[in-house]
Amino acid sequence: MSDLPAAPEAPEPVPVAAASPLDEHPSPVAPRRLSGRALGSVAIGLLGIVLSFVPILAWLLGALAISFGFQARRSWRGARRSVVLATIGIVIGFLALAAGVLMVSINASG
């Protein structure tokens, strides 16, 4: 057993220098978060447009998108992107409602 060579030791990690002294410290400015309701408003509105061939779903999802959009705009806390997303969600919600009405009129005439 004594004839076996000793296992090599693991090399010590080499410290990596930071590219900038600022990289060593966290950012003093917290990143702004998007409003979940604003993002949900856009997603639900788009889903309402995609599912507009079922008018009841288009109306329900459009109304939800409009509701979430107005709630997100009301609870605005300085995140400008959230307000823009909420406004887009409101517009898409109205488009989903209109698509549902259009599908009802197409089905009624045909």
PDB file of N, CA and C in Angstrom:
ATOM      1  N   MET A   1       0.801  -1.179   0.000  1.00  0.00           N
ATOM      2  CA  MET A   1       0.000   0.000   0.000  1.00  0.00           C
ATOM      3  C   MET A   1       0.850   1.251   0.000  1.00  0.00           C
ATOM      4  N   SER A   2       2.008   1.186   0.563  1.00  0.00           N
ATOM      5  CA  SER A   2       2.846   2.366   0.626  1.00  0.00           C
ATOM      6  C   SER A   2       3.478   2.677  -0.723  1.00  0.00           C
ATOM      7  N   ASP A   3       3.343   1.780  -1.696  1.00  0.00           N
ATOM      8  CA  ASP A   3       3.935   2.003  -3.010  1.00  0.00           C
ATOM      9  C   ASP A   3       3.097   2.947  -3.870  1.00  0.00           C
ATOM     10  N   LEU A   4       1.847   3.203  -3.463  1.00  0.00           N
ATOM     11  CA  LEU A   4       0.976   4.075  -4.252  1.00  0.00           C
ATOM     12  C   LEU A   4       1.376   5.533  -4.065  1.00  0.00           C
ATOM     13  N   PRO A   5       1.363   6.310  -5.172  1.00  0.00           N
ATOM     14  CA  PRO A   5       1.687   7.742  -5.028  1.00  0.00           C
ATOM     15  C   PRO A   5       0.524   8.484  -4.361  1.00  0.00           C
ATOM     16  N   ALA A   6       0.831   9.576  -3.719  1.00  0.00           N
ATOM     17  CA  ALA A   6      -0.181  10.394  -3.040  1.00  0.00           C
ATOM     18  C   ALA A   6      -1.069  11.077  -4.074  1.00  0.00           C
ATOM     19  N   ALA A   7      -2.338  11.219  -3.738  1.00  0.00           N
ATOM     20  CA  ALA A   7      -3.288  11.879  -4.637  1.00  0.00           C
ATOM     21  C   ALA A   7      -2.923  13.349  -4.785  1.00  0.00           C
ATOM     22  N   PRO A   8      -3.028  13.868  -6.014  1.00  0.00           N
ATOM     23  CA  PRO A   8      -2.691  15.289  -6.194  1.00  0.00           C
ATOM     24  C   PRO A   8      -3.708  16.166  -5.470  1.00  0.00           C
ATOM     25  N   GLU A   9      -3.248  17.246  -4.915  1.00  0.00           N
ATOM     26  CA  GLU A   9      -4.128  18.178  -4.212  1.00  0.00           C
ATOM     27  C   GLU A   9      -4.829  19.085  -5.225  1.00  0.00           C
ATOM     28  N   ALA A  10      -6.052  19.493  -4.894  1.00  0.00           N
ATOM     29  CA  ALA A  10      -6.815  20.386  -5.771  1.00  0.00           C
ATOM     30  C   ALA A  10      -6.172  21.762  -5.759  1.00  0.00           C
ATOM     31  N   PRO A  11      -6.050  22.378  -6.939  1.00  0.00           N
ATOM     32  CA  PRO A  11      -5.447  23.715  -6.966  1.00  0.00           C
ATOM     33  C   PRO A  11      -6.352  24.727  -6.277  1.00  0.00           C
ATOM     34  N   GLU A  12      -5.751  25.718  -5.677  1.00  0.00           N
ATOM     35  CA  GLU A  12      -6.521  26.758  -5.000  1.00  0.00           C
ATOM     36  C   GLU A  12      -7.162  27.669  -6.048  1.00  0.00           C
ATOM     37  N   PRO A  13      -8.397  28.131  -5.801  1.00  0.00           N
ATOM     38  CA  PRO A  13      -9.037  29.022  -6.776  1.00  0.00           C
ATOM     39  C   PRO A  13      -8.289  30.349  -6.867  1.00  0.00           C
ATOM     40  N   VAL A  14      -8.198  30.830  -8.068  1.00  0.00           N
ATOM     41  CA  VAL A  14      -7.521  32.095  -8.323  1.00  0.00           C
ATOM     42  C   VAL A  14      -8.555  33.205  -8.210  1.00  0.00           C
ATOM     43  N   PRO A  15      -8.332  34.209  -7.375  1.00  0.00           N
ATOM     44  CA  PRO A  15      -9.306  35.305  -7.280  1.00  0.00           C
ATOM     45  C   PRO A  15      -9.364  36.083  -8.594  1.00  0.00           C
ATOM     46  N   VAL A  16     -10.586  36.398  -9.011  1.00  0.00           N
ATOM     47  CA  VAL A  16     -10.799  37.140 -10.249  1.00  0.00           C
ATOM     48  C   VAL A  16     -11.016  38.598  -9.890  1.00  0.00           C
ATOM     49  N   ALA A  17     -10.283  39.461 -10.532  1.00  0.00           N
ATOM     50  CA  ALA A  17     -10.427  40.889 -10.283  1.00  0.00           C
ATOM     51  C   ALA A  17     -11.701  41.392 -10.955  1.00  0.00           C
ATOM     52  N   ALA A  18     -12.418  42.261 -10.293  1.00  0.00           N
ATOM     53  CA  ALA A  18     -13.629  42.846 -10.857  1.00  0.00           C
ATOM     54  C   ALA A  18     -13.253  43.814 -11.970  1.00  0.00           C
ATOM     55  N   ALA A  19     -14.135  43.917 -12.955  1.00  0.00           N
ATOM     56  CA  ALA A  19     -13.880  44.817 -14.069  1.00  0.00           C
ATOM     57  C   ALA A  19     -13.916  46.269 -13.612  1.00  0.00           C
ATOM     58  N   SER A  20     -14.696  46.536 -12.586  1.00  0.00           N
ATOM     59  CA  SER A  20     -14.854  47.891 -12.086  1.00  0.00           C
ATOM     60  C   SER A  20     -15.046  47.812 -10.572  1.00  0.00           C
ATOM     61  N   PRO A  21     -14.637  48.828  -9.848  1.00  0.00           N
ATOM     62  CA  PRO A  21     -14.894  48.806  -8.404  1.00  0.00           C
ATOM     63  C   PRO A  21     -16.390  48.784  -8.083  1.00  0.00           C
ATOM     64  N   LEU A  22     -17.221  49.255  -9.006  1.00  0.00           N
ATOM     65  CA  LEU A  22     -18.666  49.257  -8.779  1.00  0.00           C
ATOM     66  C   LEU A  22     -19.252  47.857  -8.848  1.00  0.00           C
ATOM     67  N   ASP A  23     -18.546  46.923  -9.509  1.00  0.00           N
ATOM     68  CA  ASP A  23     -19.047  45.563  -9.616  1.00  0.00           C
ATOM     69  C   ASP A  23     -19.012  44.832  -8.285  1.00  0.00           C
ATOM     70  N   GLU A  24     -18.232  45.317  -7.347  1.00  0.00           N
ATOM     71  CA  GLU A  24     -18.096  44.645  -6.066  1.00  0.00           C
ATOM     72  C   GLU A  24     -19.251  44.957  -5.119  1.00  0.00           C
ATOM     73  N   HIS A  25     -20.071  45.959  -5.427  1.00  0.00           N
ATOM     74  CA  HIS A  25     -21.144  46.392  -4.533  1.00  0.00           C
ATOM     75  C   HIS A  25     -22.486  46.290  -5.247  1.00  0.00           C
ATOM     76  N   PRO A  26     -23.549  46.038  -4.492  1.00  0.00           N
ATOM     77  CA  PRO A  26     -24.872  46.014  -5.140  1.00  0.00           C
ATOM     78  C   PRO A  26     -25.280  47.407  -5.608  1.00  0.00           C
ATOM     79  N   SER A  27     -26.165  47.419  -6.573  1.00  0.00           N
ATOM     80  CA  SER A  27     -26.646  48.685  -7.124  1.00  0.00           C
ATOM     81  C   SER A  27     -27.430  49.457  -6.062  1.00  0.00           C
ATOM     82  N   PRO A  28     -27.199  50.771  -5.940  1.00  0.00           N
ATOM     83  CA  PRO A  28     -27.940  51.547  -4.944  1.00  0.00           C
ATOM     84  C   PRO A  28     -29.394  51.797  -5.343  1.00  0.00           C
ATOM     85  N   VAL A  29     -29.722  51.574  -6.609  1.00  0.00           N
ATOM     86  CA  VAL A  29     -31.071  51.813  -7.094  1.00  0.00           C
ATOM     87  C   VAL A  29     -31.749  50.459  -7.300  1.00  0.00           C
ATOM     88  N   ALA A  30     -32.872  50.266  -6.656  1.00  0.00           N
ATOM     89  CA  ALA A  30     -33.604  49.009  -6.814  1.00  0.00           C
ATOM     90  C   ALA A  30     -34.249  48.969  -8.197  1.00  0.00           C
ATOM     91  N   PRO A  31     -34.212  47.829  -8.866  1.00  0.00           N
ATOM     92  CA  PRO A  31     -34.855  47.745 -10.180  1.00  0.00           C
ATOM     93  C   PRO A  31     -36.366  47.858 -10.035  1.00  0.00           C
ATOM     94  N   ARG A  32     -36.982  48.547 -10.969  1.00  0.00           N
ATOM     95  CA  ARG A  32     -38.437  48.708 -10.938  1.00  0.00           C
ATOM     96  C   ARG A  32     -39.082  47.449 -11.475  1.00  0.00           C
ATOM     97  N   ARG A  33     -40.114  47.037 -10.796  1.00  0.00           N
ATOM     98  CA  ARG A  33     -40.816  45.821 -11.188  1.00  0.00           C
ATOM     99  C   ARG A  33     -42.061  46.187 -11.985  1.00  0.00           C
ATOM    100  N   LEU A  34     -42.419  45.302 -12.884  1.00  0.00           N
ATOM    101  CA  LEU A  34     -43.646  45.496 -13.641  1.00  0.00           C
ATOM    102  C   LEU A  34     -44.843  45.071 -12.795  1.00  0.00           C
ATOM    103  N   SER A  35     -45.945  45.723 -13.026  1.00  0.00           N
ATOM    104  CA  SER A  35     -47.177  45.366 -12.335  1.00  0.00           C
ATOM    105  C   SER A  35     -47.709  44.059 -12.924  1.00  0.00           C
ATOM    106  N   GLY A  36     -48.022  43.122 -12.052  1.00  0.00           N
ATOM    107  CA  GLY A  36     -48.577  41.853 -12.508  1.00  0.00           C
ATOM    108  C   GLY A  36     -49.934  42.020 -13.152  1.00  0.00           C
ATOM    109  N   ARG A  37     -50.702  42.967 -12.640  1.00  0.00           N
ATOM    110  CA  ARG A  37     -52.027  43.209 -13.219  1.00  0.00           C
ATOM    111  C   ARG A  37     -51.915  43.818 -14.616  1.00  0.00           C
ATOM    112  N   ALA A  38     -50.933  44.674 -14.824  1.00  0.00           N
ATOM    113  CA  ALA A  38     -50.752  45.264 -16.154  1.00  0.00           C
ATOM    114  C   ALA A  38     -50.357  44.189 -17.161  1.00  0.00           C
ATOM    115  N   LEU A  39     -49.419  43.353 -16.767  1.00  0.00           N
ATOM    116  CA  LEU A  39     -48.989  42.272 -17.654  1.00  0.00           C
ATOM    117  C   LEU A  39     -50.122  41.269 -17.873  1.00  0.00           C
ATOM    118  N   GLY A  40     -50.870  40.973 -16.815  1.00  0.00           N
ATOM    119  CA  GLY A  40     -52.020  40.081 -16.947  1.00  0.00           C
ATOM    120  C   GLY A  40     -53.094  40.658 -17.841  1.00  0.00           C
ATOM    121  N   SER A  41     -53.270  41.965 -17.781  1.00  0.00           N
ATOM    122  CA  SER A  41     -54.249  42.633 -18.633  1.00  0.00           C
ATOM    123  C   SER A  41     -53.925  42.429 -20.111  1.00  0.00           C
ATOM    124  N   VAL A  42     -52.656  42.585 -20.454  1.00  0.00           N
ATOM    125  CA  VAL A  42     -52.241  42.392 -21.848  1.00  0.00           C
ATOM    126  C   VAL A  42     -52.418  40.930 -22.255  1.00  0.00           C
ATOM    127  N   ALA A  43     -51.981  40.008 -21.392  1.00  0.00           N
ATOM    128  CA  ALA A  43     -52.061  38.583 -21.729  1.00  0.00           C
ATOM    129  C   ALA A  43     -53.510  38.123 -21.870  1.00  0.00           C
ATOM    130  N   ILE A  44     -54.372  38.531 -20.953  1.00  0.00           N
ATOM    131  CA  ILE A  44     -55.780  38.121 -21.009  1.00  0.00           C
ATOM    132  C   ILE A  44     -56.473  38.757 -22.207  1.00  0.00           C
ATOM    133  N   GLY A  45     -56.129  40.009 -22.510  1.00  0.00           N
ATOM    134  CA  GLY A  45     -56.707  40.656 -23.688  1.00  0.00           C
ATOM    135  C   GLY A  45     -56.321  39.955 -24.976  1.00  0.00           C
ATOM    136  N   LEU A  46     -55.054  39.565 -25.080  1.00  0.00           N
ATOM    137  CA  LEU A  46     -54.618  38.834 -26.275  1.00  0.00           C
ATOM    138  C   LEU A  46     -55.306  37.481 -26.380  1.00  0.00           C
ATOM    139  N   LEU A  47     -55.467  36.822 -25.257  1.00  0.00           N
ATOM    140  CA  LEU A  47     -56.173  35.542 -25.243  1.00  0.00           C
ATOM    141  C   LEU A  47     -57.630  35.736 -25.665  1.00  0.00           C
ATOM    142  N   GLY A  48     -58.226  36.844 -25.251  1.00  0.00           N
ATOM    143  CA  GLY A  48     -59.598  37.142 -25.660  1.00  0.00           C
ATOM    144  C   GLY A  48     -59.723  37.354 -27.156  1.00  0.00           C
ATOM    145  N   ILE A  49     -58.718  38.001 -27.752  1.00  0.00           N
ATOM    146  CA  ILE A  49     -58.751  38.202 -29.206  1.00  0.00           C
ATOM    147  C   ILE A  49     -58.566  36.873 -29.928  1.00  0.00           C
ATOM    148  N   VAL A  50     -57.622  36.057 -29.437  1.00  0.00           N
ATOM    149  CA  VAL A  50     -57.370  34.768 -30.079  1.00  0.00           C
ATOM    150  C   VAL A  50     -58.606  33.866 -29.988  1.00  0.00           C
ATOM    151  N   LEU A  51     -59.289  33.905 -28.861  1.00  0.00           N
ATOM    152  CA  LEU A  51     -60.470  33.062 -28.667  1.00  0.00           C
ATOM    153  C   LEU A  51     -61.769  33.787 -29.024  1.00  0.00           C
ATOM    154  N   SER A  52     -61.692  34.764 -29.900  1.00  0.00           N
ATOM    155  CA  SER A  52     -62.882  35.562 -30.223  1.00  0.00           C
ATOM    156  C   SER A  52     -63.920  34.788 -31.029  1.00  0.00           C
ATOM    157  N   PHE A  53     -63.556  33.604 -31.537  1.00  0.00           N
ATOM    158  CA  PHE A  53     -64.561  32.812 -32.251  1.00  0.00           C
ATOM    159  C   PHE A  53     -65.612  32.246 -31.293  1.00  0.00           C
ATOM    160  N   VAL A  54     -65.338  32.315 -29.984  1.00  0.00           N
ATOM    161  CA  VAL A  54     -66.342  31.995 -28.962  1.00  0.00           C
ATOM    162  C   VAL A  54     -66.675  33.327 -28.290  1.00  0.00           C
ATOM    163  N   PRO A  55     -67.755  33.983 -28.719  1.00  0.00           N
ATOM    164  CA  PRO A  55     -68.028  35.356 -28.275  1.00  0.00           C
ATOM    165  C   PRO A  55     -68.095  35.531 -26.758  1.00  0.00           C
ATOM    166  N   ILE A  56     -68.650  34.560 -26.049  1.00  0.00           N
ATOM    167  CA  ILE A  56     -68.760  34.706 -24.596  1.00  0.00           C
ATOM    168  C   ILE A  56     -67.371  34.782 -23.967  1.00  0.00           C
ATOM    169  N   LEU A  57     -66.441  33.952 -24.460  1.00  0.00           N
ATOM    170  CA  LEU A  57     -65.064  34.011 -23.946  1.00  0.00           C
ATOM    171  C   LEU A  57     -64.403  35.345 -24.277  1.00  0.00           C
ATOM    172  N   ALA A  58     -64.646  35.840 -25.486  1.00  0.00           N
ATOM    173  CA  ALA A  58     -64.068  37.122 -25.873  1.00  0.00           C
ATOM    174  C   ALA A  58     -64.591  38.239 -24.977  1.00  0.00           C
ATOM    175  N   TRP A  59     -65.891  38.208 -24.672  1.00  0.00           N
ATOM    176  CA  TRP A  59     -66.467  39.253 -23.816  1.00  0.00           C
ATOM    177  C   TRP A  59     -65.934  39.141 -22.391  1.00  0.00           C
ATOM    178  N   LEU A  60     -65.893  37.922 -21.874  1.00  0.00           N
ATOM    179  CA  LEU A  60     -65.415  37.711 -20.509  1.00  0.00           C
ATOM    180  C   LEU A  60     -63.944  38.109 -20.365  1.00  0.00           C
ATOM    181  N   LEU A  61     -63.108  37.622 -21.273  1.00  0.00           N
ATOM    182  CA  LEU A  61     -61.675  37.937 -21.201  1.00  0.00           C
ATOM    183  C   LEU A  61     -61.412  39.411 -21.493  1.00  0.00           C
ATOM    184  N   GLY A  62     -62.180  40.000 -22.407  1.00  0.00           N
ATOM    185  CA  GLY A  62     -62.032  41.425 -22.687  1.00  0.00           C
ATOM    186  C   GLY A  62     -62.382  42.265 -21.471  1.00  0.00           C
ATOM    187  N   ALA A  63     -63.469  41.900 -20.789  1.00  0.00           N
ATOM    188  CA  ALA A  63     -63.866  42.636 -19.588  1.00  0.00           C
ATOM    189  C   ALA A  63     -62.828  42.476 -18.475  1.00  0.00           C
ATOM    190  N   LEU A  64     -62.278  41.281 -18.325  1.00  0.00           N
ATOM    191  CA  LEU A  64     -61.217  41.063 -17.337  1.00  0.00           C
ATOM    192  C   LEU A  64     -59.976  41.888 -17.664  1.00  0.00           C
ATOM    193  N   ALA A  65     -59.606  41.928 -18.935  1.00  0.00           N
ATOM    194  CA  ALA A  65     -58.435  42.702 -19.338  1.00  0.00           C
ATOM    195  C   ALA A  65     -58.636  44.188 -19.049  1.00  0.00           C
ATOM    196  N   ILE A  66     -59.822  44.690 -19.331  1.00  0.00           N
ATOM    197  CA  ILE A  66     -60.117  46.098 -19.055  1.00  0.00           C
ATOM    198  C   ILE A  66     -60.078  46.361 -17.556  1.00  0.00           C
ATOM    199  N   SER A  67     -60.664  45.464 -16.782  1.00  0.00           N
ATOM    200  CA  SER A  67     -60.678  45.622 -15.329  1.00  0.00           C
ATOM    201  C   SER A  67     -59.261  45.601 -14.751  1.00  0.00           C
ATOM    202  N   PHE A  68     -58.455  44.613 -15.150  1.00  0.00           N
ATOM    203  CA  PHE A  68     -57.077  44.542 -14.659  1.00  0.00           C
ATOM    204  C   PHE A  68     -56.273  45.763 -15.094  1.00  0.00           C
ATOM    205  N   GLY A  69     -56.518  46.241 -16.311  1.00  0.00           N
ATOM    206  CA  GLY A  69     -55.792  47.411 -16.801  1.00  0.00           C
ATOM    207  C   GLY A  69     -56.089  48.655 -15.975  1.00  0.00           C
ATOM    208  N   PHE A  70     -57.369  48.875 -15.664  1.00  0.00           N
ATOM    209  CA  PHE A  70     -57.716  50.047 -14.857  1.00  0.00           C
ATOM    210  C   PHE A  70     -57.209  49.906 -13.422  1.00  0.00           C
ATOM    211  N   GLN A  71     -57.236  48.701 -12.874  1.00  0.00           N
ATOM    212  CA  GLN A  71     -56.689  48.493 -11.530  1.00  0.00           C
ATOM    213  C   GLN A  71     -55.185  48.757 -11.507  1.00  0.00           C
ATOM    214  N   ALA A  72     -54.477  48.331 -12.545  1.00  0.00           N
ATOM    215  CA  ALA A  72     -53.034  48.556 -12.609  1.00  0.00           C
ATOM    216  C   ALA A  72     -52.725  50.046 -12.756  1.00  0.00           C
ATOM    217  N   ARG A  73     -53.536  50.761 -13.544  1.00  0.00           N
ATOM    218  CA  ARG A  73     -53.307  52.206 -13.685  1.00  0.00           C
ATOM    219  C   ARG A  73     -53.586  52.939 -12.387  1.00  0.00           C
ATOM    220  N   ARG A  74     -54.581  52.478 -11.635  1.00  0.00           N
ATOM    221  CA  ARG A  74     -54.931  53.134 -10.376  1.00  0.00           C
ATOM    222  C   ARG A  74     -53.845  52.935  -9.318  1.00  0.00           C
ATOM    223  N   SER A  75     -53.207  51.788  -9.325  1.00  0.00           N
ATOM    224  CA  SER A  75     -52.191  51.495  -8.307  1.00  0.00           C
ATOM    225  C   SER A  75     -50.779  51.778  -8.812  1.00  0.00           C
ATOM    226  N   TRP A  76     -50.636  52.767  -9.670  1.00  0.00           N
ATOM    227  CA  TRP A  76     -49.334  53.113 -10.246  1.00  0.00           C
ATOM    228  C   TRP A  76     -48.415  53.639  -9.166  1.00  0.00           C
ATOM    229  N   ARG A  77     -47.203  53.088  -9.095  1.00  0.00           N
ATOM    230  CA  ARG A  77     -46.238  53.498  -8.080  1.00  0.00           C
ATOM    231  C   ARG A  77     -44.911  53.907  -8.701  1.00  0.00           C
ATOM    232  N   GLY A  78     -44.933  54.615  -9.771  1.00  0.00           N
ATOM    233  CA  GLY A  78     -43.706  55.140 -10.349  1.00  0.00           C
ATOM    234  C   GLY A  78     -43.124  54.308 -11.475  1.00  0.00           C
ATOM    235  N   ALA A  79     -43.690  53.158 -11.771  1.00  0.00           N
ATOM    236  CA  ALA A  79     -43.179  52.336 -12.863  1.00  0.00           C
ATOM    237  C   ALA A  79     -43.923  52.729 -14.140  1.00  0.00           C
ATOM    238  N   ARG A  80     -43.306  53.567 -14.921  1.00  0.00           N
ATOM    239  CA  ARG A  80     -43.936  54.090 -16.132  1.00  0.00           C
ATOM    240  C   ARG A  80     -44.303  52.965 -17.105  1.00  0.00           C
ATOM    241  N   ARG A  81     -43.450  51.939 -17.167  1.00  0.00           N
ATOM    242  CA  ARG A  81     -43.724  50.833 -18.083  1.00  0.00           C
ATOM    243  C   ARG A  81     -45.009  50.108 -17.691  1.00  0.00           C
ATOM    244  N   SER A  82     -45.310  50.051 -16.404  1.00  0.00           N
ATOM    245  CA  SER A  82     -46.541  49.400 -15.954  1.00  0.00           C
ATOM    246  C   SER A  82     -47.764  50.163 -16.433  1.00  0.00           C
ATOM    247  N   VAL A  83     -47.687  51.488 -16.418  1.00  0.00           N
ATOM    248  CA  VAL A  83     -48.819  52.297 -16.888  1.00  0.00           C
ATOM    249  C   VAL A  83     -49.016  52.098 -18.390  1.00  0.00           C
ATOM    250  N   VAL A  84     -47.927  52.039 -19.125  1.00  0.00           N
ATOM    251  CA  VAL A  84     -48.027  51.819 -20.569  1.00  0.00           C
ATOM    252  C   VAL A  84     -48.620  50.443 -20.847  1.00  0.00           C
ATOM    253  N   LEU A  85     -48.150  49.415 -20.124  1.00  0.00           N
ATOM    254  CA  LEU A  85     -48.694  48.073 -20.308  1.00  0.00           C
ATOM    255  C   LEU A  85     -50.170  48.015 -19.921  1.00  0.00           C
ATOM    256  N   ALA A  86     -50.532  48.707 -18.860  1.00  0.00           N
ATOM    257  CA  ALA A  86     -51.937  48.725 -18.436  1.00  0.00           C
ATOM    258  C   ALA A  86     -52.810  49.366 -19.510  1.00  0.00           C
ATOM    259  N   THR A  87     -52.337  50.459 -20.103  1.00  0.00           N
ATOM    260  CA  THR A  87     -53.092  51.129 -21.170  1.00  0.00           C
ATOM    261  C   THR A  87     -53.221  50.220 -22.390  1.00  0.00           C
ATOM    262  N   ILE A  88     -52.140  49.524 -22.733  1.00  0.00           N
ATOM    263  CA  ILE A  88     -52.192  48.581 -23.857  1.00  0.00           C
ATOM    264  C   ILE A  88     -53.191  47.471 -23.549  1.00  0.00           C
ATOM    265  N   GLY A  89     -53.205  46.990 -22.310  1.00  0.00           N
ATOM    266  CA  GLY A  89     -54.151  45.951 -21.914  1.00  0.00           C
ATOM    267  C   GLY A  89     -55.586  46.412 -22.014  1.00  0.00           C
ATOM    268  N   ILE A  90     -55.837  47.681 -21.645  1.00  0.00           N
ATOM    269  CA  ILE A  90     -57.194  48.229 -21.748  1.00  0.00           C
ATOM    270  C   ILE A  90     -57.631  48.283 -23.215  1.00  0.00           C
ATOM    271  N   VAL A  91     -56.745  48.757 -24.073  1.00  0.00           N
ATOM    272  CA  VAL A  91     -57.072  48.851 -25.507  1.00  0.00           C
ATOM    273  C   VAL A  91     -57.311  47.459 -26.089  1.00  0.00           C
ATOM    274  N   ILE A  92     -56.451  46.501 -25.749  1.00  0.00           N
ATOM    275  CA  ILE A  92     -56.616  45.141 -26.264  1.00  0.00           C
ATOM    276  C   ILE A  92     -57.901  44.520 -25.710  1.00  0.00           C
ATOM    277  N   GLY A  93     -58.250  44.846 -24.465  1.00  0.00           N
ATOM    278  CA  GLY A  93     -59.503  44.351 -23.896  1.00  0.00           C
ATOM    279  C   GLY A  93     -60.709  44.847 -24.672  1.00  0.00           C
ATOM    280  N   PHE A  94     -60.702  46.137 -25.040  1.00  0.00           N
ATOM    281  CA  PHE A  94     -61.799  46.668 -25.847  1.00  0.00           C
ATOM    282  C   PHE A  94     -61.821  46.026 -27.232  1.00  0.00           C
ATOM    283  N   LEU A  95     -60.629  45.734 -27.773  1.00  0.00           N
ATOM    284  CA  LEU A  95     -60.578  45.049 -29.073  1.00  0.00           C
ATOM    285  C   LEU A  95     -61.149  43.636 -28.964  1.00  0.00           C
ATOM    286  N   ALA A  96     -60.901  42.964 -27.852  1.00  0.00           N
ATOM    287  CA  ALA A  96     -61.465  41.622 -27.653  1.00  0.00           C
ATOM    288  C   ALA A  96     -62.992  41.688 -27.561  1.00  0.00           C
ATOM    289  N   LEU A  97     -63.495  42.708 -26.849  1.00  0.00           N
ATOM    290  CA  LEU A  97     -64.961  42.881 -26.798  1.00  0.00           C
ATOM    291  C   LEU A  97     -65.520  43.117 -28.198  1.00  0.00           C
ATOM    292  N   ALA A  98     -64.862  43.968 -28.968  1.00  0.00           N
ATOM    293  CA  ALA A  98     -65.321  44.260 -30.324  1.00  0.00           C
ATOM    294  C   ALA A  98     -65.245  43.016 -31.212  1.00  0.00           C
ATOM    295  N   ALA A  99     -64.196  42.212 -31.030  1.00  0.00           N
ATOM    296  CA  ALA A  99     -64.069  40.987 -31.820  1.00  0.00           C
ATOM    297  C   ALA A  99     -65.199  40.020 -31.489  1.00  0.00           C
ATOM    298  N   GLY A 100     -65.582  39.953 -30.222  1.00  0.00           N
ATOM    299  CA  GLY A 100     -66.710  39.103 -29.842  1.00  0.00           C
ATOM    300  C   GLY A 100     -68.004  39.570 -30.470  1.00  0.00           C
ATOM    301  N   VAL A 101     -68.239  40.876 -30.478  1.00  0.00           N
ATOM    302  CA  VAL A 101     -69.442  41.432 -31.111  1.00  0.00           C
ATOM    303  C   VAL A 101     -69.419  41.174 -32.613  1.00  0.00           C
ATOM    304  N   LEU A 102     -68.248  41.313 -33.217  1.00  0.00           N
ATOM    305  CA  LEU A 102     -68.113  41.061 -34.656  1.00  0.00           C
ATOM    306  C   LEU A 102     -68.426  39.604 -34.982  1.00  0.00           C
ATOM    307  N   MET A 103     -67.972  38.681 -34.158  1.00  0.00           N
ATOM    308  CA  MET A 103     -68.228  37.274 -34.404  1.00  0.00           C
ATOM    309  C   MET A 103     -69.724  36.953 -34.262  1.00  0.00           C
ATOM    310  N   VAL A 104     -70.392  37.593 -33.306  1.00  0.00           N
ATOM    311  CA  VAL A 104     -71.834  37.382 -33.142  1.00  0.00           C
ATOM    312  C   VAL A 104     -72.560  37.898 -34.392  1.00  0.00           C
ATOM    313  N   SER A 105     -72.152  39.064 -34.883  1.00  0.00           N
ATOM    314  CA  SER A 105     -72.829  39.612 -36.066  1.00  0.00           C
ATOM    315  C   SER A 105     -72.533  38.781 -37.310  1.00  0.00           C
ATOM    316  N   ILE A 106     -71.351  38.232 -37.410  1.00  0.00           N
ATOM    317  CA  ILE A 106     -71.036  37.378 -38.566  1.00  0.00           C
ATOM    318  C   ILE A 106     -71.856  36.087 -38.491  1.00  0.00           C
ATOM    319  N   ASN A 107     -71.946  35.504 -37.295  1.00  0.00           N
ATOM    320  CA  ASN A 107     -72.710  34.267 -37.147  1.00  0.00           C
ATOM    321  C   ASN A 107     -74.202  34.501 -37.334  1.00  0.00           C
ATOM    322  N   ALA A 108     -74.706  35.646 -36.947  1.00  0.00           N
ATOM    323  CA  ALA A 108     -76.126  35.941 -37.080  1.00  0.00           C
ATOM    324  C   ALA A 108     -76.513  36.187 -38.539  1.00  0.00           C
ATOM    325  N   SER A 109     -75.604  36.772 -39.319  1.00  0.00           N
ATOM    326  CA  SER A 109     -75.925  37.073 -40.715  1.00  0.00           C
ATOM    327  C   SER A 109     -75.707  35.852 -41.618  1.00  0.00           C
ATOM    328  N   GLY A 110     -74.934  34.897 -41.189  1.00  0.00           N
ATOM    329  CA  GLY A 110     -74.591  33.765 -42.066  1.00  0.00           C
ATOM    330  C   GLY A 110     -75.325  32.588 -41.740  1.00  0.00           C
TER     331      GLY A 110
END
